[in-house]
C-alpha atoms as a PDB file:
ATOM      1  CA  UNK A   1       0.000   0.000   0.000  1.00  0.00           C
ATOM      2  CA  UNK A   2       3.011   2.262  -0.406  1.00  0.00           C
ATOM      3  CA  UNK A   3       1.328   4.139  -3.277  1.00  0.00           C
ATOM      4  CA  UNK A   4      -1.912   4.700  -1.346  1.00  0.00           C
ATOM      5  CA  UNK A   5      -2.856   8.374  -1.161  1.00  0.00           C
ATOM      6  CA  UNK A   6      -4.303   9.470   2.168  1.00  0.00           C
ATOM      7  CA  UNK A   7      -5.682  12.702   3.562  1.00  0.00           C
ATOM      8  CA  UNK A   8      -5.574  14.427   6.927  1.00  0.00           C
ATOM      9  CA  UNK A   9      -7.738  16.828   8.903  1.00  0.00           C
ATOM     10  CA  UNK A  10      -6.014  19.305  11.219  1.00  0.00           C
ATOM     11  CA  UNK A  11      -8.081  21.064  13.903  1.00  0.00           C
ATOM     12  CA  UNK A  12      -7.005  24.703  14.187  1.00  0.00           C
ATOM     13  CA  UNK A  13     -10.182  26.416  15.307  1.00  0.00           C
ATOM     14  CA  UNK A  14      -9.376  27.307  18.920  1.00  0.00           C
ATOM     15  CA  UNK A  15      -9.221  30.835  20.293  1.00  0.00           C
ATOM     16  CA  UNK A  16      -5.913  30.316  22.107  1.00  0.00           C
ATOM     17  CA  UNK A  17      -7.235  32.034  25.235  1.00  0.00           C
ATOM     18  CA  UNK A  18      -4.433  30.670  27.425  1.00  0.00           C
ATOM     19  CA  UNK A  19      -1.894  32.476  25.226  1.00  0.00           C
ATOM     20  CA  UNK A  20      -3.439  35.930  25.384  1.00  0.00           C
ATOM     21  CA  UNK A  21      -2.553  38.703  24.741  1.00  0.00           C
ATOM     22  CA  UNK A  22      -0.374  37.164  21.987  1.00  0.00           C
ATOM     23  CA  UNK A  23      -3.376  35.476  20.381  1.00  0.00           C
ATOM     24  CA  UNK A  24      -5.413  38.655  20.175  1.00  0.00           C
ATOM     25  CA  UNK A  25      -3.383  39.376  17.035  1.00  0.00           C
ATOM     26  CA  UNK A  26      -1.717  36.045  16.102  1.00  0.00           C
ATOM     27  CA  UNK A  27      -3.402  32.609  16.038  1.00  0.00           C
ATOM     28  CA  UNK A  28      -1.451  30.199  18.229  1.00  0.00           C
ATOM     29  CA  UNK A  29      -0.703  27.947  15.260  1.00  0.00           C
ATOM     30  CA  UNK A  30       1.452  30.748  13.777  1.00  0.00           C
ATOM     31  CA  UNK A  31       3.586  31.316  16.872  1.00  0.00           C
ATOM     32  CA  UNK A  32       7.120  30.374  15.767  1.00  0.00           C
ATOM     33  CA  UNK A  33       8.930  27.552  17.576  1.00  0.00           C
ATOM     34  CA  UNK A  34      12.538  26.727  16.715  1.00  0.00           C
ATOM     35  CA  UNK A  35      12.190  28.863  13.609  1.00  0.00           C
ATOM     36  CA  UNK A  36       8.844  27.812  12.144  1.00  0.00           C
ATOM     37  CA  UNK A  37       5.175  28.042  13.152  1.00  0.00           C
ATOM     38  CA  UNK A  38       3.497  25.536  15.451  1.00  0.00           C
ATOM     39  CA  UNK A  39       1.250  24.477  12.546  1.00  0.00           C
ATOM     40  CA  UNK A  40       4.200  23.550  10.326  1.00  0.00           C
ATOM     41  CA  UNK A  41       5.666  21.287  13.000  1.00  0.00           C
ATOM     42  CA  UNK A  42       2.277  19.518  13.036  1.00  0.00           C
ATOM     43  CA  UNK A  43       2.166  19.222   9.234  1.00  0.00           C
ATOM     44  CA  UNK A  44       5.740  17.885   9.260  1.00  0.00           C
ATOM     45  CA  UNK A  45       4.437  14.787  11.070  1.00  0.00           C
ATOM     46  CA  UNK A  46       2.367  13.689   8.070  1.00  0.00           C
ATOM     47  CA  UNK A  47       3.823  10.855   5.957  1.00  0.00           C
ATOM     48  CA  UNK A  48       4.789  11.463   2.341  1.00  0.00           C
ATOM     49  CA  UNK A  49       1.735   9.585   1.075  1.00  0.00           C
ATOM     50  CA  UNK A  50      -0.628  12.178   2.560  1.00  0.00           C
ATOM     51  CA  UNK A  51      -1.733  14.125  -0.505  1.00  0.00           C
ATOM     52  CA  UNK A  52      -3.711  16.849   1.262  1.00  0.00           C
ATOM     53  CA  UNK A  53      -4.350  18.242   4.722  1.00  0.00           C
ATOM     54  CA  UNK A  54      -7.636  20.022   5.333  1.00  0.00           C
ATOM     55  CA  UNK A  55      -7.393  22.670   8.033  1.00  0.00           C
ATOM     56  CA  UNK A  56     -10.579  23.083  10.063  1.00  0.00           C
ATOM     57  CA  UNK A  57     -10.239  26.788  10.868  1.00  0.00           C
ATOM     58  CA  UNK A  58     -12.281  29.166  12.950  1.00  0.00           C
ATOM     59  CA  UNK A  59     -10.483  31.969  14.774  1.00  0.00           C
ATOM     60  CA  UNK A  60      -8.256  34.087  12.518  1.00  0.00           C
ATOM     61  CA  UNK A  61      -8.616  31.688   9.616  1.00  0.00           C
ATOM     62  CA  UNK A  62      -7.665  34.457   7.204  1.00  0.00           C
ATOM     63  CA  UNK A  63      -4.254  34.875   8.863  1.00  0.00           C
ATOM     64  CA  UNK A  64      -3.554  31.152   8.649  1.00  0.00           C
ATOM     65  CA  UNK A  65      -4.657  31.031   5.022  1.00  0.00           C
ATOM     66  CA  UNK A  66      -2.498  34.049   4.134  1.00  0.00           C
ATOM     67  CA  UNK A  67       0.571  32.509   5.788  1.00  0.00           C
ATOM     68  CA  UNK A  68       0.094  29.205   3.969  1.00  0.00           C
ATOM     69  CA  UNK A  69      -0.206  31.067   0.667  1.00  0.00           C
ATOM     70  CA  UNK A  70       2.953  33.084   1.295  1.00  0.00           C
ATOM     71  CA  UNK A  71       4.925  30.129   2.719  1.00  0.00           C
ATOM     72  CA  UNK A  72       3.600  26.883   1.180  1.00  0.00           C
ATOM     73  CA  UNK A  73       4.292  23.710   3.138  1.00  0.00           C
ATOM     74  CA  UNK A  74       5.378  20.511   1.335  1.00  0.00           C
ATOM     75  CA  UNK A  75       1.937  19.067   2.178  1.00  0.00           C
ATOM     76  CA  UNK A  76      -0.843  20.512   0.043  1.00  0.00           C
ATOM     77  CA  UNK A  77      -3.299  22.314   2.333  1.00  0.00           C
ATOM     78  CA  UNK A  78      -6.919  23.390   2.071  1.00  0.00           C
ATOM     79  CA  UNK A  79      -8.623  25.726   4.542  1.00  0.00           C
ATOM     80  CA  UNK A  80     -12.243  25.112   5.560  1.00  0.00           C
ATOM     81  CA  UNK A  81     -13.710  27.879   7.685  1.00  0.00           C
ATOM     82  CA  UNK A  82     -16.325  27.552  10.426  1.00  0.00           C
ATOM     83  CA  UNK A  83     -19.133  30.088  10.520  1.00  0.00           C
ATOM     84  CA  UNK A  84     -19.566  29.273  14.214  1.00  0.00           C
ATOM     85  CA  UNK A  85     -17.451  27.336  16.752  1.00  0.00           C
ATOM     86  CA  UNK A  86     -18.198  23.655  16.147  1.00  0.00           C
ATOM     87  CA  UNK A  87     -16.082  21.877  18.751  1.00  0.00           C
ATOM     88  CA  UNK A  88     -13.786  18.987  17.864  1.00  0.00           C
ATOM     89  CA  UNK A  89     -16.523  16.729  16.507  1.00  0.00           C
ATOM     90  CA  UNK A  90     -18.352  19.387  14.539  1.00  0.00           C
ATOM     91  CA  UNK A  91     -15.101  20.740  13.075  1.00  0.00           C
ATOM     92  CA  UNK A  92     -14.026  17.253  12.057  1.00  0.00           C
ATOM     93  CA  UNK A  93     -17.314  16.662  10.250  1.00  0.00           C
ATOM     94  CA  UNK A  94     -17.269  20.110   8.634  1.00  0.00           C
ATOM     95  CA  UNK A  95     -13.828  19.482   7.118  1.00  0.00           C
ATOM     96  CA  UNK A  96     -14.441  15.879   6.070  1.00  0.00           C
ATOM     97  CA  UNK A  97     -15.328  16.334   2.399  1.00  0.00           C
ATOM     98  CA  UNK A  98     -13.170  13.982   0.354  1.00  0.00           C
ATOM     99  CA  UNK A  99     -11.756  12.188   3.396  1.00  0.00           C
ATOM    100  CA  UNK A 100      -9.693   9.097   2.627  1.00  0.00           C
ATOM    101  CA  UNK A 101     -10.334   5.745   4.298  1.00  0.00           C
ATOM    102  CA  UNK A 102      -8.656   5.753   6.718  1.00  0.00           C
ATOM    103  CA  UNK A 103      -7.748   9.394   7.417  1.00  0.00           C
ATOM    104  CA  UNK A 104      -5.500  11.157   9.908  1.00  0.00           C
ATOM    105  CA  UNK A 105      -6.907  13.631  12.450  1.00  0.00           C
ATOM    106  CA  UNK A 106      -4.461  15.930  14.252  1.00  0.00           C
ATOM    107  CA  UNK A 107      -4.843  18.685  16.805  1.00  0.00           C
ATOM    108  CA  UNK A 108      -3.186  21.841  15.512  1.00  0.00           C
ATOM    109  CA  UNK A 109      -1.086  22.456  18.628  1.00  0.00           C
ATOM    110  CA  UNK A 110       0.533  19.051  19.230  1.00  0.00           C
ATOM    111  CA  UNK A 111       4.328  18.954  19.154  1.00  0.00           C
ATOM    112  CA  UNK A 112       5.646  15.415  18.974  1.00  0.00           C
ATOM    113  CA  UNK A 113       8.220  13.024  17.577  1.00  0.00           C
ATOM    114  CA  UNK A 114       5.536  10.458  16.703  1.00  0.00           C
ATOM    115  CA  UNK A 115       6.126   8.321  13.600  1.00  0.00           C
ATOM    116  CA  UNK A 116       2.803   8.270  11.753  1.00  0.00           C
ATOM    117  CA  UNK A 117       3.986   5.626   9.306  1.00  0.00           C
ATOM    118  CA  UNK A 118       4.474   3.265  12.253  1.00  0.00           C
ATOM    119  CA  UNK A 119       1.142   4.324  13.717  1.00  0.00           C
ATOM    120  CA  UNK A 120      -0.640   3.591  10.423  1.00  0.00           C
ATOM    121  CA  UNK A 121       0.978   0.141  10.259  1.00  0.00           C
ATOM    122  CA  UNK A 122      -0.230  -0.502  13.836  1.00  0.00           C
ATOM    123  CA  UNK A 123      -3.740   0.634  12.863  1.00  0.00           C
ATOM    124  CA  UNK A 124      -3.840  -1.807   9.958  1.00  0.00           C
ATOM    125  CA  UNK A 125      -2.317  -4.674  11.950  1.00  0.00           C
ATOM    126  CA  UNK A 126      -5.059  -4.319  14.561  1.00  0.00           C
ATOM    127  CA  UNK A 127      -7.821  -4.022  11.969  1.00  0.00           C
ATOM    128  CA  UNK A 128      -8.830  -0.944  13.955  1.00  0.00           C
ATOM    129  CA  UNK A 129     -11.859   1.262  13.480  1.00  0.00           C
ATOM    130  CA  UNK A 130      -9.769   3.979  15.100  1.00  0.00           C
ATOM    131  CA  UNK A 131      -6.295   4.383  16.596  1.00  0.00           C
ATOM    132  CA  UNK A 132      -5.488   7.069  19.145  1.00  0.00           C
ATOM    133  CA  UNK A 133      -1.976   8.154  20.044  1.00  0.00           C
ATOM    134  CA  UNK A 134      -1.478   8.108  23.820  1.00  0.00           C
ATOM    135  CA  UNK A 135       1.097   9.933  25.939  1.00  0.00           C
ATOM    136  CA  UNK A 136       1.821   9.137  29.584  1.00  0.00           C
ATOM    137  CA  UNK A 137       1.692  12.220  31.833  1.00  0.00           C
ATOM    138  CA  UNK A 138       1.917  12.978  35.535  1.00  0.00           C
ATOM    139  CA  UNK A 139      -1.363  14.906  35.677  1.00  0.00           C
ATOM    140  CA  UNK A 140      -4.018  13.605  33.249  1.00  0.00           C
ATOM    141  CA  UNK A 141      -6.798  15.887  34.523  1.00  0.00           C
ATOM    142  CA  UNK A 142      -6.755  18.396  31.593  1.00  0.00           C
ATOM    143  CA  UNK A 143      -6.998  15.641  28.987  1.00  0.00           C
ATOM    144  CA  UNK A 144      -9.020  12.678  27.792  1.00  0.00           C
ATOM    145  CA  UNK A 145      -7.801   9.555  29.601  1.00  0.00           C
ATOM    146  CA  UNK A 146      -7.753   6.041  28.133  1.00  0.00           C
ATOM    147  CA  UNK A 147      -7.760   2.578  29.678  1.00  0.00           C
ATOM    148  CA  UNK A 148      -6.205  -0.241  27.639  1.00  0.00           C
ATOM    149  CA  UNK A 149      -6.649  -3.990  27.767  1.00  0.00           C
ATOM    150  CA  UNK A 150      -3.886  -6.540  27.106  1.00  0.00           C
ATOM    151  CA  UNK A 151      -4.415  -6.224  23.344  1.00  0.00           C
ATOM    152  CA  UNK A 152      -3.917  -2.422  23.434  1.00  0.00           C
ATOM    153  CA  UNK A 153      -7.598  -1.848  22.793  1.00  0.00           C
ATOM    154  CA  UNK A 154      -9.184   1.149  24.528  1.00  0.00           C
ATOM    155  CA  UNK A 155     -11.901  -0.173  26.834  1.00  0.00           C
ATOM    156  CA  UNK A 156     -12.735   3.083  28.565  1.00  0.00           C
ATOM    157  CA  UNK A 157     -12.259   6.776  27.793  1.00  0.00           C
ATOM    158  CA  UNK A 158     -12.919   9.582  30.287  1.00  0.00           C
ATOM    159  CA  UNK A 159     -12.682  13.221  29.274  1.00  0.00           C
ATOM    160  CA  UNK A 160     -10.924  15.493  31.816  1.00  0.00           C
ATOM    161  CA  UNK A 161     -11.516  13.497  35.009  1.00  0.00           C
ATOM    162  CA  UNK A 162     -10.504  14.867  38.419  1.00  0.00           C
ATOM    163  CA  UNK A 163      -6.883  13.891  38.965  1.00  0.00           C
ATOM    164  CA  UNK A 164      -7.692  11.543  41.854  1.00  0.00           C
ATOM    165  CA  UNK A 165     -10.300   9.755  39.722  1.00  0.00           C
ATOM    166  CA  UNK A 166      -8.291   9.385  36.516  1.00  0.00           C
ATOM    167  CA  UNK A 167      -8.347   5.683  35.528  1.00  0.00           C
ATOM    168  CA  UNK A 168      -4.809   5.846  34.066  1.00  0.00           C
ATOM    169  CA  UNK A 169      -2.067   8.288  33.134  1.00  0.00           C
ATOM    170  CA  UNK A 170      -2.366   7.598  29.390  1.00  0.00           C
ATOM    171  CA  UNK A 171      -3.962  10.574  27.686  1.00  0.00           C
ATOM    172  CA  UNK A 172      -5.164  11.434  24.194  1.00  0.00           C
ATOM    173  CA  UNK A 173      -2.037  12.838  22.513  1.00  0.00           C
ATOM    174  CA  UNK A 174      -3.984  14.611  19.779  1.00  0.00           C
ATOM    175  CA  UNK A 175      -3.155  12.409  16.776  1.00  0.00           C
ATOM    176  CA  UNK A 176      -5.658   9.773  15.623  1.00  0.00           C
ATOM    177  CA  UNK A 177      -6.410   7.594  12.617  1.00  0.00           C
ATOM    178  CA  UNK A 178     -10.042   6.878  11.777  1.00  0.00           C
ATOM    179  CA  UNK A 179     -12.080   4.750   9.466  1.00  0.00           C
ATOM    180  CA  UNK A 180     -14.148   7.079   7.296  1.00  0.00           C
ATOM    181  CA  UNK A 181     -17.220   5.377   8.742  1.00  0.00           C
ATOM    182  CA  UNK A 182     -16.742   7.368  11.951  1.00  0.00           C
ATOM    183  CA  UNK A 183     -18.085  10.435  10.144  1.00  0.00           C
ATOM    184  CA  UNK A 184     -21.516   8.782  10.062  1.00  0.00           C
ATOM    185  CA  UNK A 185     -21.616   9.161  13.860  1.00  0.00           C
ATOM    186  CA  UNK A 186     -21.320  12.963  13.676  1.00  0.00           C
ATOM    187  CA  UNK A 187     -24.249  15.166  12.607  1.00  0.00           C
ATOM    188  CA  UNK A 188     -23.450  17.856  10.044  1.00  0.00           C
ATOM    189  CA  UNK A 189     -23.105  21.491  11.179  1.00  0.00           C
ATOM    190  CA  UNK A 190     -23.835  20.698  14.827  1.00  0.00           C
ATOM    191  CA  UNK A 191     -21.388  21.895  17.515  1.00  0.00           C
ATOM    192  CA  UNK A 192     -20.212  18.979  19.647  1.00  0.00           C
ATOM    193  CA  UNK A 193     -17.180  17.517  21.369  1.00  0.00           C
ATOM    194  CA  UNK A 194     -15.978  14.304  19.740  1.00  0.00           C
ATOM    195  CA  UNK A 195     -14.266  13.193  22.947  1.00  0.00           C
ATOM    196  CA  UNK A 196     -17.262  13.760  25.223  1.00  0.00           C
ATOM    197  CA  UNK A 197     -20.200  13.071  22.892  1.00  0.00           C
ATOM    198  CA  UNK A 198     -19.007  10.582  20.261  1.00  0.00           C
ATOM    199  CA  UNK A 199     -16.052   8.600  21.582  1.00  0.00           C
ATOM    200  CA  UNK A 200     -18.146   6.510  23.974  1.00  0.00           C
ATOM    201  CA  UNK A 201     -20.487   5.361  21.227  1.00  0.00           C
ATOM    202  CA  UNK A 202     -17.685   4.078  18.963  1.00  0.00           C
ATOM    203  CA  UNK A 203     -15.485   2.291  21.533  1.00  0.00           C
ATOM    204  CA  UNK A 204     -17.224  -1.001  20.772  1.00  0.00           C
ATOM    205  CA  UNK A 205     -16.152  -0.765  17.129  1.00  0.00           C
ATOM    206  CA  UNK A 206     -12.486  -1.282  18.023  1.00  0.00           C
ATOM    207  CA  UNK A 207     -10.407   1.743  19.066  1.00  0.00           C
ATOM    208  CA  UNK A 208      -6.762   1.014  19.865  1.00  0.00           C
ATOM    209  CA  UNK A 209      -4.119   2.965  21.738  1.00  0.00           C
ATOM    210  CA  UNK A 210      -0.729   3.693  20.130  1.00  0.00           C
ATOM    211  CA  UNK A 211       1.485   4.478  23.122  1.00  0.00           C
ATOM    212  CA  UNK A 212       4.135   7.106  22.404  1.00  0.00           C
ATOM    213  CA  UNK A 213       7.761   6.516  23.291  1.00  0.00           C
ATOM    214  CA  UNK A 214       8.900   9.794  21.740  1.00  0.00           C
ATOM    215  CA  UNK A 215       8.709  13.384  22.970  1.00  0.00           C
ATOM    216  CA  UNK A 216       5.313  15.095  23.188  1.00  0.00           C
ATOM    217  CA  UNK A 217       3.875  18.420  24.348  1.00  0.00           C
ATOM    218  CA  UNK A 218       0.538  20.217  24.210  1.00  0.00           C
ATOM    219  CA  UNK A 219       1.582  23.655  22.946  1.00  0.00           C
ATOM    220  CA  UNK A 220      -1.512  25.426  24.234  1.00  0.00           C
ATOM    221  CA  UNK A 221      -0.067  27.396  27.145  1.00  0.00           C
ATOM    222  CA  UNK A 222       2.991  29.669  27.508  1.00  0.00           C
ATOM    223  CA  UNK A 223       4.835  26.975  29.485  1.00  0.00           C
ATOM    224  CA  UNK A 224       3.797  24.339  26.936  1.00  0.00           C
ATOM    225  CA  UNK A 225       4.944  26.498  24.015  1.00  0.00           C
ATOM    226  CA  UNK A 226       8.398  27.064  25.510  1.00  0.00           C
ATOM    227  CA  UNK A 227       8.816  23.436  26.558  1.00  0.00           C
ATOM    228  CA  UNK A 228       7.803  22.370  23.063  1.00  0.00           C
ATOM    229  CA  UNK A 229      10.456  24.676  21.625  1.00  0.00           C
ATOM    230  CA  UNK A 230      13.138  23.117  23.814  1.00  0.00           C
ATOM    231  CA  UNK A 231      12.048  19.644  22.698  1.00  0.00           C
ATOM    232  CA  UNK A 232      12.185  20.659  19.026  1.00  0.00           C
ATOM    233  CA  UNK A 233      15.653  22.131  19.388  1.00  0.00           C
ATOM    234  CA  UNK A 234      16.848  19.008  21.218  1.00  0.00           C
ATOM    235  CA  UNK A 235      15.295  16.646  18.620  1.00  0.00           C
ATOM    236  CA  UNK A 236      15.876  18.333  15.245  1.00  0.00           C
ATOM    237  CA  UNK A 237      14.291  16.689  12.199  1.00  0.00           C
ATOM    238  CA  UNK A 238      16.749  15.171   9.765  1.00  0.00           C
ATOM    239  CA  UNK A 239      14.533  16.025   6.792  1.00  0.00           C
ATOM    240  CA  UNK A 240      14.448  19.774   7.463  1.00  0.00           C
ATOM    241  CA  UNK A 241      17.188  22.361   7.034  1.00  0.00           C
ATOM    242  CA  UNK A 242      18.635  23.607  10.296  1.00  0.00           C
ATOM    243  CA  UNK A 243      17.339  26.986  11.420  1.00  0.00           C
ATOM    244  CA  UNK A 244      19.587  29.988  10.814  1.00  0.00           C
ATOM    245  CA  UNK A 245      21.749  30.571  13.881  1.00  0.00           C
ATOM    246  CA  UNK A 246      24.013  33.477  12.914  1.00  0.00           C
ATOM    247  CA  UNK A 247      23.467  36.960  14.345  1.00  0.00           C
ATOM    248  CA  UNK A 248      26.201  39.466  13.709  1.00  0.00           C
ATOM    249  CA  UNK A 249      27.017  41.634  16.699  1.00  0.00           C
ATOM    250  CA  UNK A 250      25.652  39.174  19.272  1.00  0.00           C
ATOM    251  CA  UNK A 251      27.046  36.389  21.397  1.00  0.00           C
ATOM    252  CA  UNK A 252      24.973  33.384  20.320  1.00  0.00           C
ATOM    253  CA  UNK A 253      24.546  30.335  22.547  1.00  0.00           C
ATOM    254  CA  UNK A 254      22.972  27.522  20.468  1.00  0.00           C
ATOM    255  CA  UNK A 255      20.442  26.212  19.888  1.00  0.00           C
ATOM    256  CA  UNK A 256      18.720  29.264  18.442  1.00  0.00           C
ATOM    257  CA  UNK A 257      16.702  30.186  15.342  1.00  0.00           C
ATOM    258  CA  UNK A 258      17.338  33.647  13.911  1.00  0.00           C
ATOM    259  CA  UNK A 259      14.975  35.251  11.399  1.00  0.00           C
ATOM    260  CA  UNK A 260      16.018  37.420   8.481  1.00  0.00           C
ATOM    261  CA  UNK A 261      16.961  41.041   9.043  1.00  0.00           C
ATOM    262  CA  UNK A 262      17.705  40.758  12.761  1.00  0.00           C
ATOM    263  CA  UNK A 263      20.211  43.163  14.244  1.00  0.00           C
ATOM    264  CA  UNK A 264      22.101  43.072  17.528  1.00  0.00           C
ATOM    265  CA  UNK A 265      24.591  45.279  19.230  1.00  0.00           C
ATOM    266  CA  UNK A 266      26.489  43.441  21.957  1.00  0.00           C
ATOM    267  CA  UNK A 267      23.495  41.315  22.991  1.00  0.00           C
ATOM    268  CA  UNK A 268      23.523  37.717  24.247  1.00  0.00           C
ATOM    269  CA  UNK A 269      21.040  35.320  22.618  1.00  0.00           C
ATOM    270  CA  UNK A 270      20.395  31.741  23.796  1.00  0.00           C
ATOM    271  CA  UNK A 271      19.944  29.061  24.661  1.00  0.00           C
ATOM    272  CA  UNK A 272      16.565  27.985  23.230  1.00  0.00           C
ATOM    273  CA  UNK A 273      15.567  31.213  21.490  1.00  0.00           C
ATOM    274  CA  UNK A 274      13.584  31.988  18.355  1.00  0.00           C
ATOM    275  CA  UNK A 275      13.833  35.477  16.894  1.00  0.00           C
ATOM    276  CA  UNK A 276      11.365  36.379  14.141  1.00  0.00           C
ATOM    277  CA  UNK A 277      12.226  38.693  11.272  1.00  0.00           C
ATOM    278  CA  UNK A 278      13.587  42.218  11.798  1.00  0.00           C
ATOM    279  CA  UNK A 279      14.146  41.842  15.549  1.00  0.00           C
ATOM    280  CA  UNK A 280      16.478  44.454  17.044  1.00  0.00           C
ATOM    281  CA  UNK A 281      18.423  43.922  20.262  1.00  0.00           C
ATOM    282  CA  UNK A 282      20.173  46.734  22.100  1.00  0.00           C
ATOM    283  CA  UNK A 283      23.583  46.796  23.742  1.00  0.00           C
ATOM    284  CA  UNK A 284      23.856  44.328  26.627  1.00  0.00           C
ATOM    285  CA  UNK A 285      20.375  42.856  26.127  1.00  0.00           C
ATOM    286  CA  UNK A 286      19.992  39.185  27.061  1.00  0.00           C
ATOM    287  CA  UNK A 287      17.384  36.765  25.654  1.00  0.00           C
ATOM    288  CA  UNK A 288      17.098  33.173  26.869  1.00  0.00           C
ATOM    289  CA  UNK A 289      14.464  30.410  26.561  1.00  0.00           C
ATOM    290  CA  UNK A 290      12.099  32.784  24.769  1.00  0.00           C
ATOM    291  CA  UNK A 291      10.311  33.651  21.539  1.00  0.00           C
ATOM    292  CA  UNK A 292      10.473  37.151  20.059  1.00  0.00           C
ATOM    293  CA  UNK A 293       8.200  37.543  17.052  1.00  0.00           C
ATOM    294  CA  UNK A 294       8.606  39.769  13.990  1.00  0.00           C
ATOM    295  CA  UNK A 295       9.602  43.382  14.518  1.00  0.00           C
ATOM    296  CA  UNK A 296      10.276  43.218  18.258  1.00  0.00           C
ATOM    297  CA  UNK A 297      12.674  45.844  19.606  1.00  0.00           C
ATOM    298  CA  UNK A 298      14.561  45.236  22.852  1.00  0.00           C
ATOM    299  CA  UNK A 299      16.266  48.145  24.550  1.00  0.00           C
ATOM    300  CA  UNK A 300      19.811  48.142  25.942  1.00  0.00           C
ATOM    301  CA  UNK A 301      20.313  46.108  29.097  1.00  0.00           C
ATOM    302  CA  UNK A 302      16.905  44.441  28.981  1.00  0.00           C
ATOM    303  CA  UNK A 303      16.702  40.787  30.046  1.00  0.00           C
ATOM    304  CA  UNK A 304      14.082  38.394  28.680  1.00  0.00           C
ATOM    305  CA  UNK A 305      13.779  34.917  30.185  1.00  0.00           C
ATOM    306  CA  UNK A 306      11.073  32.275  29.634  1.00  0.00           C
ATOM    307  CA  UNK A 307       8.810  34.709  27.773  1.00  0.00           C
ATOM    308  CA  UNK A 308       6.902  35.160  24.522  1.00  0.00           C
ATOM    309  CA  UNK A 309       6.839  38.616  22.936  1.00  0.00           C
ATOM    310  CA  UNK A 310       4.320  39.310  20.198  1.00  0.00           C
ATOM    311  CA  UNK A 311       5.004  41.060  16.894  1.00  0.00           C
ATOM    312  CA  UNK A 312       5.958  44.725  16.903  1.00  0.00           C
ATOM    313  CA  UNK A 313       6.350  45.014  20.662  1.00  0.00           C
ATOM    314  CA  UNK A 314       8.959  47.310  22.191  1.00  0.00           C
ATOM    315  CA  UNK A 315      10.741  46.295  25.399  1.00  0.00           C
ATOM    316  CA  UNK A 316      12.234  49.353  27.141  1.00  0.00           C
ATOM    317  CA  UNK A 317      15.847  49.590  28.242  1.00  0.00           C
ATOM    318  CA  UNK A 318      16.642  47.762  31.478  1.00  0.00           C
ATOM    319  CA  UNK A 319      13.338  45.850  31.562  1.00  0.00           C
ATOM    320  CA  UNK A 320      13.323  42.386  33.120  1.00  0.00           C
ATOM    321  CA  UNK A 321      10.761  39.959  31.670  1.00  0.00           C
ATOM    322  CA  UNK A 322      10.468  36.550  33.289  1.00  0.00           C
ATOM    323  CA  UNK A 323       7.664  34.117  32.442  1.00  0.00           C
ATOM    324  CA  UNK A 324       5.619  36.700  30.564  1.00  0.00           C
ATOM    325  CA  UNK A 325       3.469  36.920  27.443  1.00  0.00           C
ATOM    326  CA  UNK A 326       3.649  40.417  25.969  1.00  0.00           C
ATOM    327  CA  UNK A 327       1.331  41.507  23.192  1.00  0.00           C
ATOM    328  CA  UNK A 328      -1.252  44.038  22.065  1.00  0.00           C
ATOM    329  CA  UNK A 329      -4.656  44.067  23.740  1.00  0.00           C
ATOM    330  CA  UNK A 330      -7.603  45.272  21.622  1.00  0.00           C
ATOM    331  CA  UNK A 331      -9.357  48.452  22.692  1.00  0.00           C
ATOM    332  CA  UNK A 332     -12.099  47.698  25.197  1.00  0.00           C
ATOM    333  CA  UNK A 333     -10.526  44.455  26.411  1.00  0.00           C
ATOM    334  CA  UNK A 334      -9.096  44.575  29.902  1.00  0.00           C
END
């Protein structure tokens, strides 16, 4: 089946509320990690025989579409917009036109080293109706939690249980493979959560758990974004060119990713830093474990640690930023 052509659906409709104020102006899928947007790290996971990825977009769909047009990914993409928030199940159904059998379904903010070719082989070996990637975490409460039997079949799935009541520590890692038949379980144009409202009704059809042994992170919070960036720097893909790491006038401590047109004057950059395009760093500025997006200006002597700075922001001289998200807040929003 090496010549089989498959398709994928990527869910990118969320508001990114946990990353505000950055996401007031930039959808979280376009925040750059290790030199490229979150979304492109997700698309990179898709095997070469995936001929198209349909992006189920809601919030700031136009920005995502414009970026894809200006910077095409190797995977052909198609944007399907939601006229109203549809939840994971509704978005999946809304974007399902032309779905292959089986098809991949990915959350748009999952950063992982998962091998989807291996996962697809597992899916076929099991004769599965669906296969869900599972990651083992210390605190499963924010996630959907799965219970497996001895054959790796999911026998129970609980969405966001209290930590003390979680039946396992294996959680939905945001990458699944589904038989196209699953779409028959989802009404068209109806907002609903697949995990809470559909998953229970299809467990009997044969859903299996593909347990991850690679790195994984949910890049939906500031801490998650920065941890994901560290993981990506520490596990660079062999099929992608290394990010630019030269910055004249600065002391650079790899790993870093430096955008075009950046300028520094006696600054220190690194480790684990992404600078967007046209970033300017003043004399003696220090940036570590952070993301500075396009057009950011950092004054002399400022220190930025564990922070995300949105496009066009200006950080005054001598400022100390630690664990902050800095961005523009729309008028009327407190």
